[in-house]
Amino acid sequence: MIDPADLLTSLKNTNDAIDSIGYPDAGYKIWFVQSDTVVDYRFLVEGYWPNQAIYDTIHNHELYLKATEADEELWSKLKSTWYGRFKIVN
């Protein structure tokens, strides 16, 4: 079982790297999923990126890559993962 505190620490390190790159309003939040609403997933990780260019800049930056590589083993322990990109309807 994965300790949510470990995921929080990992995302804090990643968000600190994103802040250092110069984008303090971008980054990740983690949510705990109620087990009575979704059976197969315990966590939801939300990422916010103002636009595609900033997303690309952050995800290709050495500080971001080092921060995420440091915890690859932790994140690989998640049994089920799903990645989706969403746009707000307006």
PDB file of N, CA and C in Angstrom:
ATOM      1  N   MET A   1       0.842  -1.182   0.000  1.00  0.00           N
ATOM      2  CA  MET A   1       0.000   0.000   0.000  1.00  0.00           C
ATOM      3  C   MET A   1       0.891   1.251   0.000  1.00  0.00           C
ATOM      4  N   ILE A   2       0.492   2.230  -0.747  1.00  0.00           N
ATOM      5  CA  ILE A   2       1.255   3.462  -0.867  1.00  0.00           C
ATOM      6  C   ILE A   2       0.784   4.454   0.201  1.00  0.00           C
ATOM      7  N   ASP A   3       1.739   5.053   0.890  1.00  0.00           N
ATOM      8  CA  ASP A   3       1.436   6.058   1.901  1.00  0.00           C
ATOM      9  C   ASP A   3       1.180   7.390   1.201  1.00  0.00           C
ATOM     10  N   PRO A   4      -0.007   7.989   1.413  1.00  0.00           N
ATOM     11  CA  PRO A   4      -0.297   9.276   0.780  1.00  0.00           C
ATOM     12  C   PRO A   4       0.744  10.349   1.117  1.00  0.00           C
ATOM     13  N   ALA A   5       1.346  10.268   2.286  1.00  0.00           N
ATOM     14  CA  ALA A   5       2.373  11.247   2.665  1.00  0.00           C
ATOM     15  C   ALA A   5       3.571  11.186   1.716  1.00  0.00           C
ATOM     16  N   ASP A   6       3.895   9.997   1.247  1.00  0.00           N
ATOM     17  CA  ASP A   6       5.000   9.859   0.295  1.00  0.00           C
ATOM     18  C   ASP A   6       4.664  10.529  -1.037  1.00  0.00           C
ATOM     19  N   LEU A   7       3.421  10.376  -1.479  1.00  0.00           N
ATOM     20  CA  LEU A   7       2.998  11.031  -2.719  1.00  0.00           C
ATOM     21  C   LEU A   7       2.990  12.545  -2.552  1.00  0.00           C
ATOM     22  N   LEU A   8       2.524  13.018  -1.390  1.00  0.00           N
ATOM     23  CA  LEU A   8       2.530  14.460  -1.125  1.00  0.00           C
ATOM     24  C   LEU A   8       3.947  15.023  -1.155  1.00  0.00           C
ATOM     25  N   THR A   9       4.876  14.309  -0.534  1.00  0.00           N
ATOM     26  CA  THR A   9       6.267  14.751  -0.523  1.00  0.00           C
ATOM     27  C   THR A   9       6.829  14.796  -1.933  1.00  0.00           C
ATOM     28  N   SER A  10       6.534  13.777  -2.714  1.00  0.00           N
ATOM     29  CA  SER A  10       7.004  13.722  -4.088  1.00  0.00           C
ATOM     30  C   SER A  10       6.476  14.901  -4.899  1.00  0.00           C
ATOM     31  N   LEU A  11       5.186  15.171  -4.772  1.00  0.00           N
ATOM     32  CA  LEU A  11       4.603  16.278  -5.524  1.00  0.00           C
ATOM     33  C   LEU A  11       5.097  17.627  -5.013  1.00  0.00           C
ATOM     34  N   LYS A  12       5.357  17.733  -3.723  1.00  0.00           N
ATOM     35  CA  LYS A  12       5.928  18.976  -3.195  1.00  0.00           C
ATOM     36  C   LYS A  12       7.296  19.228  -3.819  1.00  0.00           C
ATOM     37  N   ASN A  13       8.109  18.185  -3.912  1.00  0.00           N
ATOM     38  CA  ASN A  13       9.430  18.330  -4.534  1.00  0.00           C
ATOM     39  C   ASN A  13       9.303  18.742  -6.000  1.00  0.00           C
ATOM     40  N   THR A  14       8.362  18.142  -6.695  1.00  0.00           N
ATOM     41  CA  THR A  14       8.140  18.486  -8.099  1.00  0.00           C
ATOM     42  C   THR A  14       7.619  19.916  -8.222  1.00  0.00           C
ATOM     43  N   ASN A  15       6.662  20.290  -7.367  1.00  0.00           N
ATOM     44  CA  ASN A  15       6.132  21.655  -7.408  1.00  0.00           C
ATOM     45  C   ASN A  15       7.202  22.680  -7.045  1.00  0.00           C
ATOM     46  N   ASP A  16       8.092  22.333  -6.124  1.00  0.00           N
ATOM     47  CA  ASP A  16       9.205  23.232  -5.791  1.00  0.00           C
ATOM     48  C   ASP A  16      10.102  23.443  -7.013  1.00  0.00           C
ATOM     49  N   ALA A  17      10.328  22.378  -7.770  1.00  0.00           N
ATOM     50  CA  ALA A  17      11.126  22.501  -8.994  1.00  0.00           C
ATOM     51  C   ALA A  17      10.413  23.405  -9.999  1.00  0.00           C
ATOM     52  N   ILE A  18       9.108  23.228 -10.138  1.00  0.00           N
ATOM     53  CA  ILE A  18       8.325  24.057 -11.057  1.00  0.00           C
ATOM     54  C   ILE A  18       8.385  25.524 -10.629  1.00  0.00           C
ATOM     55  N   ASP A  19       8.294  25.777  -9.323  1.00  0.00           N
ATOM     56  CA  ASP A  19       8.435  27.150  -8.819  1.00  0.00           C
ATOM     57  C   ASP A  19       9.801  27.719  -9.193  1.00  0.00           C
ATOM     58  N   SER A  20      10.845  26.901  -9.037  1.00  0.00           N
ATOM     59  CA  SER A  20      12.211  27.351  -9.339  1.00  0.00           C
ATOM     60  C   SER A  20      12.387  27.663 -10.823  1.00  0.00           C
ATOM     61  N   ILE A  21      11.643  26.975 -11.659  1.00  0.00           N
ATOM     62  CA  ILE A  21      11.705  27.225 -13.099  1.00  0.00           C
ATOM     63  C   ILE A  21      11.044  28.572 -13.432  1.00  0.00           C
ATOM     64  N   GLY A  22      10.179  29.036 -12.537  1.00  0.00           N
ATOM     65  CA  GLY A  22       9.551  30.338 -12.739  1.00  0.00           C
ATOM     66  C   GLY A  22       8.055  30.311 -12.954  1.00  0.00           C
ATOM     67  N   TYR A  23       7.409  29.191 -12.608  1.00  0.00           N
ATOM     68  CA  TYR A  23       5.968  29.061 -12.812  1.00  0.00           C
ATOM     69  C   TYR A  23       5.281  28.622 -11.515  1.00  0.00           C
ATOM     70  N   PRO A  24       5.210  29.521 -10.519  1.00  0.00           N
ATOM     71  CA  PRO A  24       4.635  29.141  -9.224  1.00  0.00           C
ATOM     72  C   PRO A  24       3.145  28.820  -9.262  1.00  0.00           C
ATOM     73  N   ASP A  25       2.436  29.250 -10.301  1.00  0.00           N
ATOM     74  CA  ASP A  25       1.003  28.962 -10.385  1.00  0.00           C
ATOM     75  C   ASP A  25       0.699  27.663 -11.119  1.00  0.00           C
ATOM     76  N   ALA A  26       1.719  27.025 -11.656  1.00  0.00           N
ATOM     77  CA  ALA A  26       1.540  25.741 -12.335  1.00  0.00           C
ATOM     78  C   ALA A  26       1.914  24.635 -11.353  1.00  0.00           C
ATOM     79  N   GLY A  27       1.537  23.404 -11.670  1.00  0.00           N
ATOM     80  CA  GLY A  27       1.954  22.284 -10.838  1.00  0.00           C
ATOM     81  C   GLY A  27       0.836  21.319 -10.528  1.00  0.00           C
ATOM     82  N   TYR A  28       1.059  20.554  -9.471  1.00  0.00           N
ATOM     83  CA  TYR A  28       0.197  19.422  -9.146  1.00  0.00           C
ATOM     84  C   TYR A  28      -0.490  19.560  -7.798  1.00  0.00           C
ATOM     85  N   LYS A  29      -1.675  18.956  -7.721  1.00  0.00           N
ATOM     86  CA  LYS A  29      -2.405  18.738  -6.467  1.00  0.00           C
ATOM     87  C   LYS A  29      -2.777  17.265  -6.452  1.00  0.00           C
ATOM     88  N   ILE A  30      -2.933  16.719  -5.262  1.00  0.00           N
ATOM     89  CA  ILE A  30      -3.358  15.323  -5.163  1.00  0.00           C
ATOM     90  C   ILE A  30      -4.650  15.254  -4.357  1.00  0.00           C
ATOM     91  N   TRP A  31      -5.539  14.425  -4.811  1.00  0.00           N
ATOM     92  CA  TRP A  31      -6.829  14.225  -4.168  1.00  0.00           C
ATOM     93  C   TRP A  31      -6.940  12.765  -3.758  1.00  0.00           C
ATOM     94  N   PHE A  32      -7.584  12.511  -2.639  1.00  0.00           N
ATOM     95  CA  PHE A  32      -7.882  11.143  -2.211  1.00  0.00           C
ATOM     96  C   PHE A  32      -9.286  10.831  -2.701  1.00  0.00           C
ATOM     97  N   VAL A  33      -9.461   9.743  -3.436  1.00  0.00           N
ATOM     98  CA  VAL A  33     -10.749   9.363  -4.016  1.00  0.00           C
ATOM     99  C   VAL A  33     -11.545   8.551  -2.998  1.00  0.00           C
ATOM    100  N   GLN A  34     -12.794   8.929  -2.789  1.00  0.00           N
ATOM    101  CA  GLN A  34     -13.665   8.179  -1.882  1.00  0.00           C
ATOM    102  C   GLN A  34     -13.881   6.783  -2.442  1.00  0.00           C
ATOM    103  N   SER A  35     -13.622   5.783  -1.640  1.00  0.00           N
ATOM    104  CA  SER A  35     -13.696   4.399  -2.117  1.00  0.00           C
ATOM    105  C   SER A  35     -15.104   3.978  -2.521  1.00  0.00           C
ATOM    106  N   ASP A  36     -16.132   4.660  -2.024  1.00  0.00           N
ATOM    107  CA  ASP A  36     -17.492   4.282  -2.393  1.00  0.00           C
ATOM    108  C   ASP A  36     -17.921   4.898  -3.734  1.00  0.00           C
ATOM    109  N   THR A  37     -17.063   5.743  -4.311  1.00  0.00           N
ATOM    110  CA  THR A  37     -17.426   6.365  -5.583  1.00  0.00           C
ATOM    111  C   THR A  37     -16.650   5.798  -6.766  1.00  0.00           C
ATOM    112  N   VAL A  38     -15.407   5.427  -6.534  1.00  0.00           N
ATOM    113  CA  VAL A  38     -14.567   4.848  -7.576  1.00  0.00           C
ATOM    114  C   VAL A  38     -13.754   3.731  -6.942  1.00  0.00           C
ATOM    115  N   VAL A  39     -13.963   2.520  -7.393  1.00  0.00           N
ATOM    116  CA  VAL A  39     -13.350   1.359  -6.754  1.00  0.00           C
ATOM    117  C   VAL A  39     -11.876   1.175  -7.119  1.00  0.00           C
ATOM    118  N   ASP A  40     -11.511   1.407  -8.360  1.00  0.00           N
ATOM    119  CA  ASP A  40     -10.175   1.054  -8.834  1.00  0.00           C
ATOM    120  C   ASP A  40      -9.093   2.106  -8.599  1.00  0.00           C
ATOM    121  N   TYR A  41      -9.471   3.283  -8.157  1.00  0.00           N
ATOM    122  CA  TYR A  41      -8.484   4.358  -7.991  1.00  0.00           C
ATOM    123  C   TYR A  41      -8.574   4.950  -6.589  1.00  0.00           C
ATOM    124  N   ARG A  42      -7.409   5.184  -5.960  1.00  0.00           N
ATOM    125  CA  ARG A  42      -7.368   5.791  -4.622  1.00  0.00           C
ATOM    126  C   ARG A  42      -6.964   7.249  -4.658  1.00  0.00           C
ATOM    127  N   PHE A  43      -6.225   7.645  -5.690  1.00  0.00           N
ATOM    128  CA  PHE A  43      -5.708   9.004  -5.768  1.00  0.00           C
ATOM    129  C   PHE A  43      -6.011   9.605  -7.133  1.00  0.00           C
ATOM    130  N   LEU A  44      -6.230  10.908  -7.131  1.00  0.00           N
ATOM    131  CA  LEU A  44      -6.358  11.650  -8.370  1.00  0.00           C
ATOM    132  C   LEU A  44      -5.293  12.741  -8.300  1.00  0.00           C
ATOM    133  N   VAL A  45      -4.446  12.789  -9.296  1.00  0.00           N
ATOM    134  CA  VAL A  45      -3.426  13.829  -9.379  1.00  0.00           C
ATOM    135  C   VAL A  45      -3.871  14.816 -10.443  1.00  0.00           C
ATOM    136  N   GLU A  46      -3.991  16.067 -10.020  1.00  0.00           N
ATOM    137  CA  GLU A  46      -4.422  17.128 -10.923  1.00  0.00           C
ATOM    138  C   GLU A  46      -3.223  18.012 -11.245  1.00  0.00           C
ATOM    139  N   GLY A  47      -3.005  18.242 -12.517  1.00  0.00           N
ATOM    140  CA  GLY A  47      -1.954  19.155 -12.941  1.00  0.00           C
ATOM    141  C   GLY A  47      -2.571  20.383 -13.574  1.00  0.00           C
ATOM    142  N   TYR A  48      -1.979  21.541 -13.305  1.00  0.00           N
ATOM    143  CA  TYR A  48      -2.464  22.773 -13.917  1.00  0.00           C
ATOM    144  C   TYR A  48      -1.335  23.424 -14.696  1.00  0.00           C
ATOM    145  N   TRP A  49      -1.602  23.723 -15.962  1.00  0.00           N
ATOM    146  CA  TRP A  49      -0.634  24.347 -16.850  1.00  0.00           C
ATOM    147  C   TRP A  49      -1.358  25.454 -17.590  1.00  0.00           C
ATOM    148  N   PRO A  50      -0.895  26.713 -17.477  1.00  0.00           N
ATOM    149  CA  PRO A  50      -1.602  27.827 -18.120  1.00  0.00           C
ATOM    150  C   PRO A  50      -1.787  27.667 -19.632  1.00  0.00           C
ATOM    151  N   ASN A  51      -0.815  27.026 -20.286  1.00  0.00           N
ATOM    152  CA  ASN A  51      -0.950  26.790 -21.728  1.00  0.00           C
ATOM    153  C   ASN A  51       0.051  25.702 -22.140  1.00  0.00           C
ATOM    154  N   GLN A  52      -0.049  25.274 -23.376  1.00  0.00           N
ATOM    155  CA  GLN A  52       0.794  24.181 -23.865  1.00  0.00           C
ATOM    156  C   GLN A  52       2.271  24.551 -23.886  1.00  0.00           C
ATOM    157  N   ALA A  53       2.587  25.788 -24.212  1.00  0.00           N
ATOM    158  CA  ALA A  53       3.991  26.200 -24.267  1.00  0.00           C
ATOM    159  C   ALA A  53       4.639  26.126 -22.879  1.00  0.00           C
ATOM    160  N   ILE A  54       3.918  26.561 -21.853  1.00  0.00           N
ATOM    161  CA  ILE A  54       4.444  26.483 -20.481  1.00  0.00           C
ATOM    162  C   ILE A  54       4.563  25.031 -20.046  1.00  0.00           C
ATOM    163  N   TYR A  55       3.569  24.220 -20.383  1.00  0.00           N
ATOM    164  CA  TYR A  55       3.631  22.781 -20.083  1.00  0.00           C
ATOM    165  C   TYR A  55       4.911  22.183 -20.680  1.00  0.00           C
ATOM    166  N   ASP A  56       5.157  22.467 -21.947  1.00  0.00           N
ATOM    167  CA  ASP A  56       6.333  21.925 -22.626  1.00  0.00           C
ATOM    168  C   ASP A  56       7.630  22.426 -21.991  1.00  0.00           C
ATOM    169  N   THR A  57       7.684  23.721 -21.677  1.00  0.00           N
ATOM    170  CA  THR A  57       8.871  24.296 -21.048  1.00  0.00           C
ATOM    171  C   THR A  57       9.172  23.598 -19.729  1.00  0.00           C
ATOM    172  N   ILE A  58       8.158  23.434 -18.893  1.00  0.00           N
ATOM    173  CA  ILE A  58       8.337  22.805 -17.584  1.00  0.00           C
ATOM    174  C   ILE A  58       8.764  21.349 -17.739  1.00  0.00           C
ATOM    175  N   HIS A  59       8.038  20.600 -18.555  1.00  0.00           N
ATOM    176  CA  HIS A  59       8.280  19.156 -18.665  1.00  0.00           C
ATOM    177  C   HIS A  59       9.590  18.804 -19.363  1.00  0.00           C
ATOM    178  N   ASN A  60      10.208  19.764 -20.023  1.00  0.00           N
ATOM    179  CA  ASN A  60      11.507  19.527 -20.659  1.00  0.00           C
ATOM    180  C   ASN A  60      12.664  20.132 -19.876  1.00  0.00           C
ATOM    181  N   HIS A  61      12.354  20.795 -18.764  1.00  0.00           N
ATOM    182  CA  HIS A  61      13.386  21.484 -17.980  1.00  0.00           C
ATOM    183  C   HIS A  61      14.134  20.486 -17.093  1.00  0.00           C
ATOM    184  N   GLU A  62      15.436  20.696 -16.968  1.00  0.00           N
ATOM    185  CA  GLU A  62      16.302  19.808 -16.185  1.00  0.00           C
ATOM    186  C   GLU A  62      15.832  19.677 -14.726  1.00  0.00           C
ATOM    187  N   LEU A  63      15.390  20.762 -14.101  1.00  0.00           N
ATOM    188  CA  LEU A  63      14.942  20.692 -12.702  1.00  0.00           C
ATOM    189  C   LEU A  63      13.701  19.814 -12.552  1.00  0.00           C
ATOM    190  N   TYR A  64      12.764  19.936 -13.490  1.00  0.00           N
ATOM    191  CA  TYR A  64      11.560  19.103 -13.459  1.00  0.00           C
ATOM    192  C   TYR A  64      11.929  17.635 -13.675  1.00  0.00           C
ATOM    193  N   LEU A  65      12.771  17.381 -14.645  1.00  0.00           N
ATOM    194  CA  LEU A  65      13.165  15.997 -14.947  1.00  0.00           C
ATOM    195  C   LEU A  65      13.867  15.351 -13.760  1.00  0.00           C
ATOM    196  N   LYS A  66      14.752  16.080 -13.096  1.00  0.00           N
ATOM    197  CA  LYS A  66      15.433  15.534 -11.914  1.00  0.00           C
ATOM    198  C   LYS A  66      14.449  15.251 -10.791  1.00  0.00           C
ATOM    199  N   ALA A  67      13.500  16.163 -10.571  1.00  0.00           N
ATOM    200  CA  ALA A  67      12.518  15.988  -9.495  1.00  0.00           C
ATOM    201  C   ALA A  67      11.627  14.777  -9.735  1.00  0.00           C
ATOM    202  N   THR A  68      11.202  14.582 -10.968  1.00  0.00           N
ATOM    203  CA  THR A  68      10.304  13.458 -11.243  1.00  0.00           C
ATOM    204  C   THR A  68      11.049  12.125 -11.317  1.00  0.00           C
ATOM    205  N   GLU A  69      12.274  12.144 -11.806  1.00  0.00           N
ATOM    206  CA  GLU A  69      13.063  10.911 -11.876  1.00  0.00           C
ATOM    207  C   GLU A  69      13.380  10.370 -10.487  1.00  0.00           C
ATOM    208  N   ALA A  70      13.517  11.270  -9.518  1.00  0.00           N
ATOM    209  CA  ALA A  70      13.872  10.861  -8.155  1.00  0.00           C
ATOM    210  C   ALA A  70      12.827   9.942  -7.536  1.00  0.00           C
ATOM    211  N   ASP A  71      11.572  10.077  -7.957  1.00  0.00           N
ATOM    212  CA  ASP A  71      10.497   9.284  -7.352  1.00  0.00           C
ATOM    213  C   ASP A  71       9.796   8.335  -8.332  1.00  0.00           C
ATOM    214  N   GLU A  72      10.463   7.991  -9.412  1.00  0.00           N
ATOM    215  CA  GLU A  72       9.848   7.083 -10.390  1.00  0.00           C
ATOM    216  C   GLU A  72       9.425   5.763  -9.760  1.00  0.00           C
ATOM    217  N   GLU A  73      10.245   5.229  -8.862  1.00  0.00           N
ATOM    218  CA  GLU A  73       9.930   3.949  -8.224  1.00  0.00           C
ATOM    219  C   GLU A  73       8.650   4.046  -7.399  1.00  0.00           C
ATOM    220  N   LEU A  74       8.495   5.144  -6.676  1.00  0.00           N
ATOM    221  CA  LEU A  74       7.279   5.351  -5.874  1.00  0.00           C
ATOM    222  C   LEU A  74       6.043   5.349  -6.767  1.00  0.00           C
ATOM    223  N   TRP A  75       6.076   6.138  -7.832  1.00  0.00           N
ATOM    224  CA  TRP A  75       4.906   6.251  -8.700  1.00  0.00           C
ATOM    225  C   TRP A  75       4.641   4.970  -9.481  1.00  0.00           C
ATOM    226  N   SER A  76       5.663   4.164  -9.705  1.00  0.00           N
ATOM    227  CA  SER A  76       5.456   2.905 -10.426  1.00  0.00           C
ATOM    228  C   SER A  76       4.717   1.882  -9.569  1.00  0.00           C
ATOM    229  N   LYS A  77       4.611   2.122  -8.269  1.00  0.00           N
ATOM    230  CA  LYS A  77       3.901   1.197  -7.369  1.00  0.00           C
ATOM    231  C   LYS A  77       2.385   1.308  -7.487  1.00  0.00           C
ATOM    232  N   LEU A  78       1.908   2.349  -8.148  1.00  0.00           N
ATOM    233  CA  LEU A  78       0.467   2.462  -8.339  1.00  0.00           C
ATOM    234  C   LEU A  78       0.013   1.337  -9.262  1.00  0.00           C
ATOM    235  N   LYS A  79      -0.975   0.571  -8.829  1.00  0.00           N
ATOM    236  CA  LYS A  79      -1.411  -0.603  -9.589  1.00  0.00           C
ATOM    237  C   LYS A  79      -2.189  -0.233 -10.839  1.00  0.00           C
ATOM    238  N   SER A  80      -3.027   0.770 -10.746  1.00  0.00           N
ATOM    239  CA  SER A  80      -3.827   1.205 -11.888  1.00  0.00           C
ATOM    240  C   SER A  80      -3.577   2.684 -12.105  1.00  0.00           C
ATOM    241  N   THR A  81      -3.286   3.030 -13.336  1.00  0.00           N
ATOM    242  CA  THR A  81      -3.113   4.443 -13.659  1.00  0.00           C
ATOM    243  C   THR A  81      -3.908   4.767 -14.911  1.00  0.00           C
ATOM    244  N   TRP A  82      -4.303   5.999 -14.991  1.00  0.00           N
ATOM    245  CA  TRP A  82      -5.027   6.490 -16.152  1.00  0.00           C
ATOM    246  C   TRP A  82      -4.644   7.937 -16.315  1.00  0.00           C
ATOM    247  N   TYR A  83      -4.296   8.327 -17.510  1.00  0.00           N
ATOM    248  CA  TYR A  83      -3.890   9.693 -17.790  1.00  0.00           C
ATOM    249  C   TYR A  83      -4.878  10.312 -18.753  1.00  0.00           C
ATOM    250  N   GLY A  84      -5.430  11.451 -18.375  1.00  0.00           N
ATOM    251  CA  GLY A  84      -6.350  12.141 -19.251  1.00  0.00           C
ATOM    252  C   GLY A  84      -6.047  13.622 -19.286  1.00  0.00           C
ATOM    253  N   ARG A  85      -6.294  14.240 -20.412  1.00  0.00           N
ATOM    254  CA  ARG A  85      -6.153  15.692 -20.533  1.00  0.00           C
ATOM    255  C   ARG A  85      -7.550  16.255 -20.758  1.00  0.00           C
ATOM    256  N   PHE A  86      -7.831  17.358 -20.090  1.00  0.00           N
ATOM    257  CA  PHE A  86      -9.150  17.930 -20.127  1.00  0.00           C
ATOM    258  C   PHE A  86      -9.101  19.407 -20.467  1.00  0.00           C
ATOM    259  N   LYS A  87     -10.138  19.871 -21.144  1.00  0.00           N
ATOM    260  CA  LYS A  87     -10.301  21.294 -21.427  1.00  0.00           C
ATOM    261  C   LYS A  87     -11.644  21.706 -20.840  1.00  0.00           C
ATOM    262  N   ILE A  88     -11.654  22.892 -20.249  1.00  0.00           N
ATOM    263  CA  ILE A  88     -12.898  23.405 -19.690  1.00  0.00           C
ATOM    264  C   ILE A  88     -13.873  23.755 -20.822  1.00  0.00           C
ATOM    265  N   VAL A  89     -15.129  23.508 -20.591  1.00  0.00           N
ATOM    266  CA  VAL A  89     -16.167  23.841 -21.555  1.00  0.00           C
ATOM    267  C   VAL A  89     -16.663  25.233 -21.203  1.00  0.00           C
ATOM    268  N   ASN A  90     -16.573  26.130 -22.153  1.00  0.00           N
ATOM    269  CA  ASN A  90     -17.076  27.489 -21.893  1.00  0.00           C
ATOM    270  C   ASN A  90     -17.795  28.051 -23.087  1.00  0.00           C
TER     271      ASN A  90
END
